[in-house]
């Protein structure tokens, strides 16, 4: 599965994207797996209320299923102006 990181999430993780193998069935489980990898992921995902997620380019929730998903993107909330 492809994981994309945007804005300060990318800065904290240190990568714009990566491919991961996962046993997670939900976004929340994927986040738990990522946080357990290294401190930089733990820091990036320490406050989920400051993050949004998109599954295959559709906004979603952290309790959403990953079944059939090919791309997960994490990014901060966007503001308009």
N, C-alpha and C. Protein backbone atom coordinates (compact mmCIF):
# COMPACT_ATOMS: atom_id res chain seq x y z
N UNK A 1 0.85 -1.16 0.00
CA UNK A 1 0.00 0.00 0.00
C UNK A 1 0.90 1.23 0.00
N UNK A 2 0.51 2.25 -0.75
CA UNK A 2 1.25 3.50 -0.79
C UNK A 2 0.76 4.42 0.32
N UNK A 3 1.70 5.01 1.05
CA UNK A 3 1.37 5.97 2.10
C UNK A 3 1.98 7.31 1.67
N UNK A 4 1.17 8.36 1.67
CA UNK A 4 1.63 9.70 1.31
C UNK A 4 1.54 10.60 2.52
N UNK A 5 2.55 11.47 2.68
CA UNK A 5 2.58 12.41 3.79
C UNK A 5 2.68 13.82 3.23
N UNK A 6 1.89 14.74 3.77
CA UNK A 6 1.89 16.12 3.29
C UNK A 6 2.16 17.11 4.41
N UNK A 7 2.70 18.27 4.03
CA UNK A 7 2.95 19.41 4.92
C UNK A 7 3.82 18.98 6.10
N UNK A 8 3.44 19.38 7.33
CA UNK A 8 4.30 19.08 8.49
C UNK A 8 4.37 17.59 8.80
N UNK A 9 3.42 16.80 8.33
CA UNK A 9 3.50 15.35 8.52
C UNK A 9 4.73 14.82 7.76
N UNK A 10 4.89 15.29 6.53
CA UNK A 10 6.05 14.89 5.72
C UNK A 10 7.35 15.34 6.39
N UNK A 11 7.35 16.55 6.94
CA UNK A 11 8.56 17.05 7.60
C UNK A 11 8.93 16.19 8.80
N UNK A 12 7.95 15.78 9.58
CA UNK A 12 8.23 14.98 10.78
C UNK A 12 8.64 13.55 10.45
N UNK A 13 7.98 12.97 9.44
CA UNK A 13 8.32 11.60 9.04
C UNK A 13 9.63 11.58 8.25
N UNK A 14 9.87 12.64 7.47
CA UNK A 14 11.09 12.72 6.69
C UNK A 14 10.99 12.12 5.31
N UNK A 15 9.76 11.78 4.90
CA UNK A 15 9.52 11.18 3.58
C UNK A 15 8.24 11.75 2.98
N UNK A 16 8.19 11.93 1.66
CA UNK A 16 6.93 12.34 1.04
C UNK A 16 5.98 11.17 0.84
N UNK A 17 6.55 9.96 0.65
CA UNK A 17 5.72 8.77 0.44
C UNK A 17 6.57 7.53 0.67
N UNK A 18 5.87 6.42 0.87
CA UNK A 18 6.53 5.14 1.01
C UNK A 18 5.54 4.03 0.75
N UNK A 19 6.06 2.86 0.44
CA UNK A 19 5.24 1.65 0.30
C UNK A 19 5.38 0.86 1.58
N UNK A 20 4.26 0.39 2.11
CA UNK A 20 4.32 -0.40 3.34
C UNK A 20 3.51 -1.68 3.18
N UNK A 21 3.97 -2.71 3.84
CA UNK A 21 3.21 -3.95 3.99
C UNK A 21 2.55 -3.84 5.35
N UNK A 22 1.27 -4.14 5.44
CA UNK A 22 0.58 -3.99 6.71
C UNK A 22 -0.43 -5.11 6.94
N UNK A 23 -0.66 -5.40 8.19
CA UNK A 23 -1.72 -6.33 8.59
C UNK A 23 -2.92 -5.56 9.13
N UNK A 24 -2.82 -4.24 9.13
CA UNK A 24 -3.90 -3.39 9.66
C UNK A 24 -5.16 -3.54 8.83
N UNK A 25 -6.30 -3.51 9.52
CA UNK A 25 -7.58 -3.57 8.82
C UNK A 25 -8.29 -2.22 8.83
N UNK A 26 -7.80 -1.29 9.67
CA UNK A 26 -8.38 0.06 9.72
C UNK A 26 -7.24 1.08 9.66
N UNK A 27 -7.60 2.32 9.39
CA UNK A 27 -6.61 3.39 9.37
C UNK A 27 -5.98 3.52 10.76
N UNK A 28 -6.77 3.45 11.81
CA UNK A 28 -6.25 3.58 13.17
C UNK A 28 -5.20 2.51 13.47
N UNK A 29 -5.44 1.29 13.02
CA UNK A 29 -4.46 0.22 13.21
C UNK A 29 -3.18 0.49 12.42
N UNK A 30 -3.33 1.03 11.22
CA UNK A 30 -2.17 1.40 10.42
C UNK A 30 -1.35 2.46 11.14
N UNK A 31 -2.02 3.46 11.70
CA UNK A 31 -1.34 4.51 12.45
C UNK A 31 -0.59 3.89 13.63
N UNK A 32 -1.21 2.97 14.34
CA UNK A 32 -0.54 2.30 15.46
C UNK A 32 0.72 1.57 14.99
N UNK A 33 0.64 0.89 13.85
CA UNK A 33 1.81 0.20 13.30
C UNK A 33 2.91 1.19 12.95
N UNK A 34 2.54 2.30 12.31
CA UNK A 34 3.53 3.30 11.95
C UNK A 34 4.18 3.91 13.18
N UNK A 35 3.37 4.24 14.18
CA UNK A 35 3.90 4.85 15.41
C UNK A 35 4.89 3.94 16.11
N UNK A 36 4.69 2.63 15.99
CA UNK A 36 5.57 1.67 16.66
C UNK A 36 6.90 1.50 15.92
N UNK A 37 6.99 1.98 14.68
CA UNK A 37 8.21 1.80 13.88
C UNK A 37 9.39 2.59 14.43
N UNK A 38 9.20 3.89 14.60
CA UNK A 38 10.29 4.78 14.99
C UNK A 38 9.69 6.01 15.67
N UNK A 39 10.53 6.72 16.39
CA UNK A 39 10.08 7.91 17.12
C UNK A 39 9.52 8.98 16.18
N UNK A 40 10.12 9.12 15.00
CA UNK A 40 9.63 10.17 14.08
C UNK A 40 8.17 9.95 13.69
N UNK A 41 7.76 8.70 13.52
CA UNK A 41 6.36 8.40 13.22
C UNK A 41 5.49 8.65 14.45
N UNK A 42 6.00 8.27 15.61
CA UNK A 42 5.26 8.49 16.85
C UNK A 42 4.99 9.98 17.04
N UNK A 43 5.97 10.82 16.76
CA UNK A 43 5.80 12.27 16.87
C UNK A 43 4.80 12.77 15.83
N UNK A 44 4.92 12.30 14.61
CA UNK A 44 4.03 12.78 13.53
C UNK A 44 2.57 12.43 13.79
N UNK A 45 2.33 11.29 14.43
CA UNK A 45 0.96 10.82 14.64
C UNK A 45 0.51 10.92 16.11
N UNK A 46 1.18 11.77 16.88
CA UNK A 46 0.87 11.87 18.31
C UNK A 46 -0.47 12.53 18.59
N UNK A 47 -0.96 13.37 17.68
CA UNK A 47 -2.24 14.06 17.88
C UNK A 47 -3.11 13.88 16.64
N UNK A 48 -3.92 12.83 16.64
CA UNK A 48 -4.75 12.53 15.46
C UNK A 48 -5.80 13.60 15.20
N UNK A 49 -6.15 14.38 16.22
CA UNK A 49 -7.14 15.45 15.99
C UNK A 49 -6.57 16.54 15.07
N UNK A 50 -5.25 16.57 14.92
CA UNK A 50 -4.60 17.54 14.04
C UNK A 50 -4.33 16.98 12.66
N UNK A 51 -4.88 15.80 12.36
CA UNK A 51 -4.64 15.15 11.08
C UNK A 51 -5.93 14.80 10.37
N UNK A 52 -5.83 14.72 9.06
CA UNK A 52 -6.91 14.21 8.22
C UNK A 52 -6.32 13.06 7.40
N UNK A 53 -7.21 12.21 6.91
CA UNK A 53 -6.77 11.07 6.12
C UNK A 53 -7.66 10.93 4.89
N UNK A 54 -7.04 10.52 3.79
CA UNK A 54 -7.77 10.23 2.56
C UNK A 54 -7.39 8.83 2.11
N UNK A 55 -8.39 8.06 1.72
CA UNK A 55 -8.18 6.71 1.20
C UNK A 55 -8.51 6.73 -0.28
N UNK A 56 -7.52 6.41 -1.09
CA UNK A 56 -7.68 6.47 -2.55
C UNK A 56 -8.30 7.81 -2.96
N UNK A 57 -7.77 8.89 -2.38
CA UNK A 57 -8.11 10.28 -2.70
C UNK A 57 -9.52 10.69 -2.28
N UNK A 58 -10.11 9.96 -1.32
CA UNK A 58 -11.42 10.32 -0.76
C UNK A 58 -11.24 10.54 0.73
N UNK A 59 -11.68 11.71 1.23
CA UNK A 59 -11.59 11.96 2.67
C UNK A 59 -12.27 10.85 3.44
N UNK A 60 -11.67 10.47 4.55
CA UNK A 60 -12.18 9.35 5.32
C UNK A 60 -11.94 9.59 6.80
N UNK A 61 -12.26 8.58 7.60
CA UNK A 61 -12.07 8.62 9.05
C UNK A 61 -11.03 7.61 9.46
N UNK A 62 -10.51 7.77 10.67
CA UNK A 62 -9.48 6.87 11.16
C UNK A 62 -10.01 5.48 11.50
N UNK A 63 -11.33 5.35 11.63
CA UNK A 63 -11.90 4.02 11.89
C UNK A 63 -12.31 3.30 10.59
N UNK A 64 -12.00 3.91 9.45
CA UNK A 64 -12.37 3.34 8.15
C UNK A 64 -11.57 2.08 7.84
N UNK A 65 -12.20 1.19 7.11
CA UNK A 65 -11.57 -0.06 6.68
C UNK A 65 -10.53 0.21 5.60
N UNK A 66 -9.47 -0.58 5.61
CA UNK A 66 -8.44 -0.49 4.57
C UNK A 66 -8.64 -1.54 3.48
N UNK A 67 -9.71 -2.29 3.55
CA UNK A 67 -9.95 -3.34 2.56
C UNK A 67 -10.02 -2.74 1.15
N UNK A 68 -9.17 -3.23 0.28
CA UNK A 68 -9.14 -2.79 -1.11
C UNK A 68 -8.47 -1.44 -1.35
N UNK A 69 -8.00 -0.79 -0.30
CA UNK A 69 -7.37 0.53 -0.42
C UNK A 69 -5.95 0.38 -0.95
N UNK A 70 -5.60 1.22 -1.92
CA UNK A 70 -4.25 1.19 -2.48
C UNK A 70 -3.40 2.36 -2.02
N UNK A 71 -4.05 3.48 -1.61
CA UNK A 71 -3.30 4.67 -1.22
C UNK A 71 -3.93 5.32 0.01
N UNK A 72 -3.08 5.64 0.98
CA UNK A 72 -3.50 6.35 2.18
C UNK A 72 -2.68 7.63 2.25
N UNK A 73 -3.36 8.76 2.42
CA UNK A 73 -2.67 10.05 2.53
C UNK A 73 -3.00 10.69 3.88
N UNK A 74 -1.96 11.20 4.53
CA UNK A 74 -2.12 11.89 5.80
C UNK A 74 -1.70 13.35 5.61
N UNK A 75 -2.51 14.26 6.17
CA UNK A 75 -2.24 15.70 6.00
C UNK A 75 -2.97 16.48 7.09
N UNK A 76 -2.48 17.70 7.37
CA UNK A 76 -3.19 18.54 8.34
C UNK A 76 -4.46 19.09 7.71
N UNK A 77 -5.40 19.54 8.55
CA UNK A 77 -6.61 20.17 8.01
C UNK A 77 -6.24 21.37 7.14
N UNK A 78 -7.00 21.57 6.10
CA UNK A 78 -6.71 22.70 5.20
C UNK A 78 -7.61 23.88 5.57
N UNK A 79 -7.05 25.05 5.42
CA UNK A 79 -7.85 26.24 5.66
C UNK A 79 -8.00 27.01 4.36
N UNK A 80 -9.12 27.64 4.21
CA UNK A 80 -9.36 28.42 3.00
C UNK A 80 -9.09 29.89 3.25
N UNK A 81 -9.05 30.62 2.18
CA UNK A 81 -8.79 32.05 2.37
C UNK A 81 -9.30 32.85 1.21
